[in-house]
C-alpha cells in the first residue's frame, strides 16, 4: 500500500509521463531504498539542521527533474531517463 501511494505521488507530480508502470514500480523500490539513506537526507537538508522540510524535499526533486529533463520540455523521456540513470535495455 505504501509503495502504491508513493508511486502515485511520484508519477502524479514529477515523473508523470516519463515512466511505464513496470519501470515505475522498479524505480519506486530503488527510490525508497536510496532516499532513505542518511547521505540522501544530507543532500536534501539545505540548511543542514538535520531535518528535511517539505520545501527542501520539493526543491531537491524540482532540481532533479530539471537535470533529467535535458531538453526542457517539461517531460522526462525514456531516453533522458536512461541517459541519467545509465539504464540499458527496453
C-alpha atoms as a PDB file:
ATOM      1  CA  UNK A   1       0.000   0.000   0.000  1.00  0.00           C
ATOM      2  CA  UNK A   2       2.787   2.478   0.912  1.00  0.00           C
ATOM      3  CA  UNK A   3       4.617   1.692  -2.305  1.00  0.00           C
ATOM      4  CA  UNK A   4       1.429   2.274  -4.303  1.00  0.00           C
ATOM      5  CA  UNK A   5       0.824   5.629  -2.617  1.00  0.00           C
ATOM      6  CA  UNK A   6       4.435   6.689  -3.122  1.00  0.00           C
ATOM      7  CA  UNK A   7       4.267   5.624  -6.761  1.00  0.00           C
ATOM      8  CA  UNK A   8       1.109   7.681  -7.214  1.00  0.00           C
ATOM      9  CA  UNK A   9       2.773  10.727  -5.683  1.00  0.00           C
ATOM     10  CA  UNK A  10       5.921  10.403  -7.762  1.00  0.00           C
ATOM     11  CA  UNK A  11       4.259   9.598 -11.051  1.00  0.00           C
ATOM     12  CA  UNK A  12       1.420  12.019 -10.464  1.00  0.00           C
ATOM     13  CA  UNK A  13       3.565  15.050  -9.784  1.00  0.00           C
ATOM     14  CA  UNK A  14       7.110  14.788 -11.049  1.00  0.00           C
ATOM     15  CA  UNK A  15       7.542  11.721 -13.221  1.00  0.00           C
ATOM     16  CA  UNK A  16       4.090  11.529 -14.821  1.00  0.00           C
ATOM     17  CA  UNK A  17       4.764  10.986 -18.494  1.00  0.00           C
ATOM     18  CA  UNK A  18       8.259   9.617 -18.114  1.00  0.00           C
ATOM     19  CA  UNK A  19       7.901   6.111 -16.805  1.00  0.00           C
ATOM     20  CA  UNK A  20       5.993   2.978 -17.786  1.00  0.00           C
ATOM     21  CA  UNK A  21       4.090   1.271 -14.902  1.00  0.00           C
ATOM     22  CA  UNK A  22       6.503  -1.679 -14.718  1.00  0.00           C
ATOM     23  CA  UNK A  23       9.539   0.592 -14.683  1.00  0.00           C
ATOM     24  CA  UNK A  24       7.855   2.903 -12.179  1.00  0.00           C
ATOM     25  CA  UNK A  25       7.404   0.057  -9.687  1.00  0.00           C
ATOM     26  CA  UNK A  26      11.063  -0.937 -10.017  1.00  0.00           C
ATOM     27  CA  UNK A  27      12.081   2.710  -9.786  1.00  0.00           C
ATOM     28  CA  UNK A  28       9.952   3.223  -6.667  1.00  0.00           C
ATOM     29  CA  UNK A  29      11.713   0.381  -4.852  1.00  0.00           C
ATOM     30  CA  UNK A  30      15.130   1.779  -5.766  1.00  0.00           C
ATOM     31  CA  UNK A  31      13.970   5.302  -4.980  1.00  0.00           C
ATOM     32  CA  UNK A  32      12.755   4.381  -1.490  1.00  0.00           C
ATOM     33  CA  UNK A  33      15.980   2.493  -0.856  1.00  0.00           C
ATOM     34  CA  UNK A  34      18.080   5.472  -1.995  1.00  0.00           C
ATOM     35  CA  UNK A  35      16.030   8.221  -0.431  1.00  0.00           C
ATOM     36  CA  UNK A  36      16.046   6.518   2.946  1.00  0.00           C
ATOM     37  CA  UNK A  37      19.835   6.829   3.223  1.00  0.00           C
ATOM     38  CA  UNK A  38      21.339   9.463   5.506  1.00  0.00           C
ATOM     39  CA  UNK A  39      23.544  10.626   2.617  1.00  0.00           C
ATOM     40  CA  UNK A  40      20.421  11.451   0.614  1.00  0.00           C
ATOM     41  CA  UNK A  41      18.910  13.251   3.582  1.00  0.00           C
ATOM     42  CA  UNK A  42      22.044  15.354   3.830  1.00  0.00           C
ATOM     43  CA  UNK A  43      21.709  16.345   0.162  1.00  0.00           C
ATOM     44  CA  UNK A  44      18.120  17.478   0.725  1.00  0.00           C
ATOM     45  CA  UNK A  45      18.781  19.261   4.020  1.00  0.00           C
ATOM     46  CA  UNK A  46      19.522  22.720   2.638  1.00  0.00           C
ATOM     47  CA  UNK A  47      20.167  24.430   5.979  1.00  0.00           C
ATOM     48  CA  UNK A  48      21.980  21.399   7.448  1.00  0.00           C
ATOM     49  CA  UNK A  49      19.808  21.315  10.595  1.00  0.00           C
ATOM     50  CA  UNK A  50      19.401  17.519  10.326  1.00  0.00           C
ATOM     51  CA  UNK A  51      15.753  17.896   9.314  1.00  0.00           C
ATOM     52  CA  UNK A  52      14.188  17.947   5.859  1.00  0.00           C
ATOM     53  CA  UNK A  53      11.229  20.257   5.413  1.00  0.00           C
ATOM     54  CA  UNK A  54       8.652  19.769   2.697  1.00  0.00           C
ATOM     55  CA  UNK A  55      10.113  22.802   0.911  1.00  0.00           C
ATOM     56  CA  UNK A  56      13.629  21.296   0.996  1.00  0.00           C
ATOM     57  CA  UNK A  57      12.280  17.933  -0.203  1.00  0.00           C
ATOM     58  CA  UNK A  58      10.374  19.521  -3.077  1.00  0.00           C
ATOM     59  CA  UNK A  59      13.279  21.808  -4.058  1.00  0.00           C
ATOM     60  CA  UNK A  60      15.628  18.823  -4.267  1.00  0.00           C
ATOM     61  CA  UNK A  61      13.200  16.962  -6.520  1.00  0.00           C
ATOM     62  CA  UNK A  62      12.486  20.007  -8.690  1.00  0.00           C
ATOM     63  CA  UNK A  63      16.233  20.336  -9.274  1.00  0.00           C
ATOM     64  CA  UNK A  64      16.466  16.619 -10.040  1.00  0.00           C
ATOM     65  CA  UNK A  65      13.639  16.933 -12.558  1.00  0.00           C
ATOM     66  CA  UNK A  66      15.408  19.832 -14.264  1.00  0.00           C
ATOM     67  CA  UNK A  67      18.625  17.778 -14.519  1.00  0.00           C
ATOM     68  CA  UNK A  68      16.710  14.844 -16.002  1.00  0.00           C
ATOM     69  CA  UNK A  69      14.692  16.933 -18.478  1.00  0.00           C
ATOM     70  CA  UNK A  70      17.633  17.753 -20.751  1.00  0.00           C
ATOM     71  CA  UNK A  71      15.599  19.428 -23.489  1.00  0.00           C
ATOM     72  CA  UNK A  72      13.477  21.455 -21.058  1.00  0.00           C
ATOM     73  CA  UNK A  73      10.102  20.376 -22.449  1.00  0.00           C
ATOM     74  CA  UNK A  74       8.628  19.575 -19.022  1.00  0.00           C
ATOM     75  CA  UNK A  75       8.628  15.830 -19.685  1.00  0.00           C
ATOM     76  CA  UNK A  76      11.286  13.224 -18.940  1.00  0.00           C
ATOM     77  CA  UNK A  77      11.511  10.942 -21.941  1.00  0.00           C
ATOM     78  CA  UNK A  78      12.673   7.356 -21.766  1.00  0.00           C
ATOM     79  CA  UNK A  79      15.899   8.407 -23.486  1.00  0.00           C
ATOM     80  CA  UNK A  80      16.538  11.183 -20.942  1.00  0.00           C
ATOM     81  CA  UNK A  81      15.834   8.782 -18.081  1.00  0.00           C
ATOM     82  CA  UNK A  82      18.177   6.139 -19.472  1.00  0.00           C
ATOM     83  CA  UNK A  83      20.908   8.729 -20.065  1.00  0.00           C
ATOM     84  CA  UNK A  84      20.644   9.924 -16.469  1.00  0.00           C
ATOM     85  CA  UNK A  85      20.384   6.525 -14.817  1.00  0.00           C
ATOM     86  CA  UNK A  86      22.659   4.561 -17.115  1.00  0.00           C
ATOM     87  CA  UNK A  87      19.762   2.152 -17.720  1.00  0.00           C
ATOM     88  CA  UNK A  88      20.101  -0.330 -20.548  1.00  0.00           C
ATOM     89  CA  UNK A  89      17.550  -2.347 -22.481  1.00  0.00           C
ATOM     90  CA  UNK A  90      13.873  -1.724 -23.064  1.00  0.00           C
END
